[in-house]
Amino acid sequence: MKKKQGTCPICSHERELTFHHLIPKTCHSNKWFKKRFSKEEMTHAGIDICRKCHSYIHKQFDEKLLGRNYYSLELLLADERIQKYAAWARKQK
C-alpha cells in the first residue's frame, strides 16, 4: 500500500498521512448513527491527518463522542482542546 504524503490540516506539517474516520467504525452498527448517517457517509467520511494528530484526537474523545459531535473537520477544529493542540503542534518540528 502506497503511503500518502501531504499537509496535515490540523498541525500544518508536511507528513505521511493516515485516514481518520469522522464516524468511527465501531459506531457504524449503532442505531443512533444508522438513523442519522447513510452507510456511505459513515464509511467514506474522513480526513487525512498525520499520525501524531490522529493519536491526539483519539486520546481526547471516546468513539461515540467523536461520531456524535465531531463528524467534520470544521467541528473538530472548533473544539477548544483541538485548537490549543493545533497551535502547539504547529510550533513543533
N, C-alpha and C. Protein backbone atom coordinates (compact mmCIF):
# COMPACT_ATOMS: atom_id res chain seq x y z
N MET A 1 0.84 -1.18 0.00
CA MET A 1 0.00 0.00 0.00
C MET A 1 0.89 1.25 0.00
N LYS A 2 0.62 2.15 -0.90
CA LYS A 2 1.42 3.35 -1.03
C LYS A 2 1.06 4.33 0.09
N LYS A 3 2.07 4.88 0.72
CA LYS A 3 1.86 5.85 1.79
C LYS A 3 1.48 7.20 1.18
N LYS A 4 0.57 7.88 1.82
CA LYS A 4 0.11 9.17 1.33
C LYS A 4 0.84 10.29 2.07
N GLN A 5 1.48 11.16 1.34
CA GLN A 5 2.16 12.31 1.89
C GLN A 5 1.28 13.54 1.68
N GLY A 6 1.37 14.48 2.59
CA GLY A 6 0.61 15.70 2.42
C GLY A 6 0.71 16.58 3.65
N THR A 7 -0.05 17.66 3.61
CA THR A 7 -0.08 18.60 4.72
C THR A 7 -1.24 18.25 5.64
N CYS A 8 -0.93 18.06 6.89
CA CYS A 8 -1.96 17.75 7.89
C CYS A 8 -2.81 19.00 8.11
N PRO A 9 -4.13 18.89 8.02
CA PRO A 9 -4.99 20.07 8.21
C PRO A 9 -5.07 20.55 9.66
N ILE A 10 -4.52 19.79 10.58
CA ILE A 10 -4.55 20.20 11.98
C ILE A 10 -3.25 20.90 12.38
N CYS A 11 -2.11 20.25 12.14
CA CYS A 11 -0.83 20.83 12.58
C CYS A 11 -0.10 21.58 11.47
N SER A 12 -0.57 21.45 10.24
CA SER A 12 0.01 22.12 9.06
C SER A 12 1.40 21.62 8.67
N HIS A 13 1.82 20.46 9.21
CA HIS A 13 3.12 19.90 8.85
C HIS A 13 2.98 18.99 7.64
N GLU A 14 4.01 18.95 6.83
CA GLU A 14 4.09 18.04 5.70
C GLU A 14 4.56 16.69 6.25
N ARG A 15 3.67 15.68 6.18
CA ARG A 15 3.98 14.38 6.78
C ARG A 15 3.26 13.28 6.04
N GLU A 16 3.56 12.06 6.44
CA GLU A 16 2.79 10.92 5.99
C GLU A 16 1.43 11.01 6.68
N LEU A 17 0.36 10.79 5.92
CA LEU A 17 -0.99 10.97 6.46
C LEU A 17 -1.70 9.64 6.66
N THR A 18 -2.58 9.62 7.65
CA THR A 18 -3.43 8.45 7.90
C THR A 18 -4.88 8.91 7.76
N PHE A 19 -5.77 7.95 7.48
CA PHE A 19 -7.18 8.27 7.31
C PHE A 19 -7.89 8.19 8.65
N HIS A 20 -8.52 9.28 9.04
CA HIS A 20 -9.30 9.33 10.28
C HIS A 20 -10.77 9.28 9.90
N HIS A 21 -11.46 8.19 10.30
CA HIS A 21 -12.90 8.09 10.08
C HIS A 21 -13.60 9.10 11.00
N LEU A 22 -14.35 10.00 10.43
CA LEU A 22 -15.04 11.00 11.24
C LEU A 22 -16.15 10.35 12.07
N ILE A 23 -16.71 9.27 11.56
CA ILE A 23 -17.63 8.46 12.36
C ILE A 23 -16.90 7.13 12.54
N PRO A 24 -16.37 6.88 13.72
CA PRO A 24 -15.56 5.67 13.95
C PRO A 24 -16.28 4.39 13.54
N LYS A 25 -15.50 3.45 13.03
CA LYS A 25 -16.05 2.19 12.54
C LYS A 25 -16.83 1.45 13.61
N THR A 26 -16.44 1.59 14.87
CA THR A 26 -17.15 0.91 15.94
C THR A 26 -18.58 1.43 16.12
N CYS A 27 -18.89 2.58 15.54
CA CYS A 27 -20.22 3.18 15.67
C CYS A 27 -21.14 2.84 14.49
N HIS A 28 -20.62 2.25 13.44
CA HIS A 28 -21.39 2.05 12.21
C HIS A 28 -22.62 1.16 12.39
N SER A 29 -22.61 0.26 13.33
CA SER A 29 -23.77 -0.61 13.53
C SER A 29 -24.73 -0.08 14.61
N ASN A 30 -24.39 1.03 15.23
CA ASN A 30 -25.21 1.62 16.29
C ASN A 30 -26.46 2.27 15.70
N LYS A 31 -27.61 2.04 16.31
CA LYS A 31 -28.89 2.57 15.80
C LYS A 31 -28.89 4.09 15.67
N TRP A 32 -28.32 4.77 16.67
CA TRP A 32 -28.30 6.24 16.65
C TRP A 32 -27.62 6.74 15.39
N PHE A 33 -26.50 6.14 15.03
CA PHE A 33 -25.76 6.56 13.85
C PHE A 33 -26.46 6.15 12.56
N LYS A 34 -27.06 4.95 12.54
CA LYS A 34 -27.77 4.47 11.36
C LYS A 34 -28.95 5.38 11.01
N LYS A 35 -29.59 5.97 12.02
CA LYS A 35 -30.71 6.87 11.79
C LYS A 35 -30.26 8.21 11.19
N ARG A 36 -29.07 8.62 11.47
CA ARG A 36 -28.61 9.96 11.09
C ARG A 36 -27.64 10.02 9.91
N PHE A 37 -26.98 8.91 9.62
CA PHE A 37 -25.98 8.89 8.55
C PHE A 37 -26.19 7.68 7.65
N SER A 38 -25.95 7.87 6.38
CA SER A 38 -26.03 6.73 5.46
C SER A 38 -24.79 5.85 5.66
N LYS A 39 -24.88 4.62 5.18
CA LYS A 39 -23.73 3.72 5.28
C LYS A 39 -22.54 4.32 4.54
N GLU A 40 -22.80 4.94 3.40
CA GLU A 40 -21.73 5.57 2.61
C GLU A 40 -21.08 6.72 3.39
N GLU A 41 -21.90 7.55 4.04
CA GLU A 41 -21.35 8.65 4.85
C GLU A 41 -20.45 8.11 5.96
N MET A 42 -20.93 7.08 6.64
CA MET A 42 -20.16 6.54 7.74
C MET A 42 -18.85 5.90 7.25
N THR A 43 -18.90 5.23 6.12
CA THR A 43 -17.73 4.54 5.60
C THR A 43 -16.70 5.49 5.01
N HIS A 44 -17.17 6.48 4.27
CA HIS A 44 -16.26 7.33 3.50
C HIS A 44 -15.95 8.69 4.11
N ALA A 45 -16.73 9.12 5.09
CA ALA A 45 -16.47 10.43 5.70
C ALA A 45 -15.22 10.35 6.54
N GLY A 46 -14.23 11.11 6.15
CA GLY A 46 -12.99 11.09 6.89
C GLY A 46 -12.03 12.16 6.41
N ILE A 47 -10.94 12.28 7.13
CA ILE A 47 -9.92 13.26 6.77
C ILE A 47 -8.55 12.58 6.84
N ASP A 48 -7.64 13.04 6.02
CA ASP A 48 -6.26 12.57 6.06
C ASP A 48 -5.49 13.49 7.00
N ILE A 49 -4.98 12.92 8.08
CA ILE A 49 -4.21 13.69 9.07
C ILE A 49 -2.96 12.90 9.44
N CYS A 50 -2.00 13.57 10.05
CA CYS A 50 -0.77 12.88 10.45
C CYS A 50 -1.03 11.99 11.66
N ARG A 51 -0.16 11.04 11.87
CA ARG A 51 -0.31 10.08 12.97
C ARG A 51 -0.34 10.77 14.34
N LYS A 52 0.48 11.80 14.54
CA LYS A 52 0.51 12.48 15.84
C LYS A 52 -0.84 13.13 16.15
N CYS A 53 -1.40 13.82 15.18
CA CYS A 53 -2.71 14.47 15.39
C CYS A 53 -3.80 13.41 15.54
N HIS A 54 -3.71 12.35 14.76
CA HIS A 54 -4.69 11.27 14.83
C HIS A 54 -4.70 10.67 16.24
N SER A 55 -3.53 10.39 16.76
CA SER A 55 -3.43 9.83 18.11
C SER A 55 -3.98 10.79 19.15
N TYR A 56 -3.66 12.07 19.00
CA TYR A 56 -4.14 13.07 19.96
C TYR A 56 -5.67 13.10 19.99
N ILE A 57 -6.29 13.11 18.84
CA ILE A 57 -7.76 13.16 18.77
C ILE A 57 -8.36 11.97 19.53
N HIS A 58 -7.82 10.77 19.29
CA HIS A 58 -8.38 9.58 19.93
C HIS A 58 -8.09 9.53 21.42
N LYS A 59 -7.10 10.25 21.89
CA LYS A 59 -6.84 10.33 23.34
C LYS A 59 -7.80 11.30 24.02
N GLN A 60 -8.34 12.26 23.27
CA GLN A 60 -9.21 13.28 23.84
C GLN A 60 -10.67 12.87 23.92
N PHE A 61 -11.12 12.05 22.97
CA PHE A 61 -12.55 11.75 22.85
C PHE A 61 -12.78 10.25 22.70
N ASP A 62 -13.86 9.76 23.33
CA ASP A 62 -14.21 8.37 23.07
C ASP A 62 -14.90 8.31 21.71
N GLU A 63 -15.05 7.13 21.18
CA GLU A 63 -15.50 7.00 19.79
C GLU A 63 -16.93 7.48 19.57
N LYS A 64 -17.83 7.21 20.50
CA LYS A 64 -19.21 7.70 20.33
C LYS A 64 -19.26 9.23 20.34
N LEU A 65 -18.50 9.84 21.23
CA LEU A 65 -18.45 11.30 21.28
C LEU A 65 -17.88 11.86 19.98
N LEU A 66 -16.84 11.23 19.46
CA LEU A 66 -16.27 11.67 18.18
C LEU A 66 -17.33 11.63 17.09
N GLY A 67 -18.02 10.50 16.98
CA GLY A 67 -19.02 10.34 15.92
C GLY A 67 -20.21 11.27 16.07
N ARG A 68 -20.64 11.50 17.28
CA ARG A 68 -21.82 12.34 17.51
C ARG A 68 -21.54 13.83 17.41
N ASN A 69 -20.37 14.27 17.84
CA ASN A 69 -20.11 15.71 17.94
C ASN A 69 -19.01 16.24 17.03
N TYR A 70 -18.17 15.37 16.50
CA TYR A 70 -17.01 15.82 15.72
C TYR A 70 -16.94 15.10 14.38
N TYR A 71 -18.05 15.07 13.65
CA TYR A 71 -18.14 14.32 12.40
C TYR A 71 -17.75 15.15 11.17
N SER A 72 -17.03 16.24 11.38
CA SER A 72 -16.46 17.01 10.26
C SER A 72 -15.17 17.67 10.74
N LEU A 73 -14.31 18.02 9.79
CA LEU A 73 -13.07 18.71 10.14
C LEU A 73 -13.39 20.04 10.83
N GLU A 74 -14.41 20.73 10.36
CA GLU A 74 -14.79 22.02 10.95
C GLU A 74 -15.19 21.87 12.41
N LEU A 75 -15.94 20.82 12.72
CA LEU A 75 -16.35 20.59 14.11
C LEU A 75 -15.15 20.24 14.99
N LEU A 76 -14.24 19.45 14.47
CA LEU A 76 -13.02 19.14 15.22
C LEU A 76 -12.22 20.40 15.50
N LEU A 77 -12.01 21.21 14.46
CA LEU A 77 -11.20 22.42 14.60
C LEU A 77 -11.87 23.47 15.48
N ALA A 78 -13.17 23.37 15.67
CA ALA A 78 -13.88 24.33 16.52
C ALA A 78 -13.73 24.00 18.01
N ASP A 79 -13.30 22.79 18.33
CA ASP A 79 -13.14 22.39 19.72
C ASP A 79 -11.91 23.07 20.33
N GLU A 80 -12.08 23.60 21.52
CA GLU A 80 -11.00 24.35 22.19
C GLU A 80 -9.75 23.50 22.41
N ARG A 81 -9.94 22.22 22.79
CA ARG A 81 -8.78 21.34 23.02
C ARG A 81 -7.98 21.14 21.73
N ILE A 82 -8.69 20.96 20.63
CA ILE A 82 -8.03 20.76 19.34
C ILE A 82 -7.35 22.06 18.90
N GLN A 83 -7.98 23.19 19.14
CA GLN A 83 -7.38 24.48 18.79
C GLN A 83 -6.07 24.69 19.55
N LYS A 84 -6.08 24.41 20.85
CA LYS A 84 -4.87 24.58 21.67
C LYS A 84 -3.78 23.62 21.20
N TYR A 85 -4.17 22.38 20.95
CA TYR A 85 -3.20 21.39 20.48
C TYR A 85 -2.63 21.81 19.13
N ALA A 86 -3.49 22.22 18.21
CA ALA A 86 -3.03 22.61 16.87
C ALA A 86 -2.06 23.78 16.94
N ALA A 87 -2.33 24.76 17.78
CA ALA A 87 -1.43 25.91 17.93
C ALA A 87 -0.08 25.44 18.45
N TRP A 88 -0.08 24.54 19.42
CA TRP A 88 1.16 23.99 19.95
C TRP A 88 1.88 23.15 18.89
N ALA A 89 1.14 22.26 18.22
CA ALA A 89 1.73 21.33 17.25
C ALA A 89 2.36 22.07 16.06
N ARG A 90 1.76 23.18 15.66
CA ARG A 90 2.31 23.94 14.53
C ARG A 90 3.71 24.50 14.83
N LYS A 91 4.02 24.68 16.11
CA LYS A 91 5.32 25.21 16.52
C LYS A 91 6.39 24.11 16.61
N GLN A 92 5.96 22.86 16.63
CA GLN A 92 6.89 21.73 16.75
C GLN A 92 7.48 21.39 15.38
N LYS A 93 8.58 20.67 15.40
CA LYS A 93 9.20 20.25 14.14
C LYS A 93 8.77 18.88 13.74
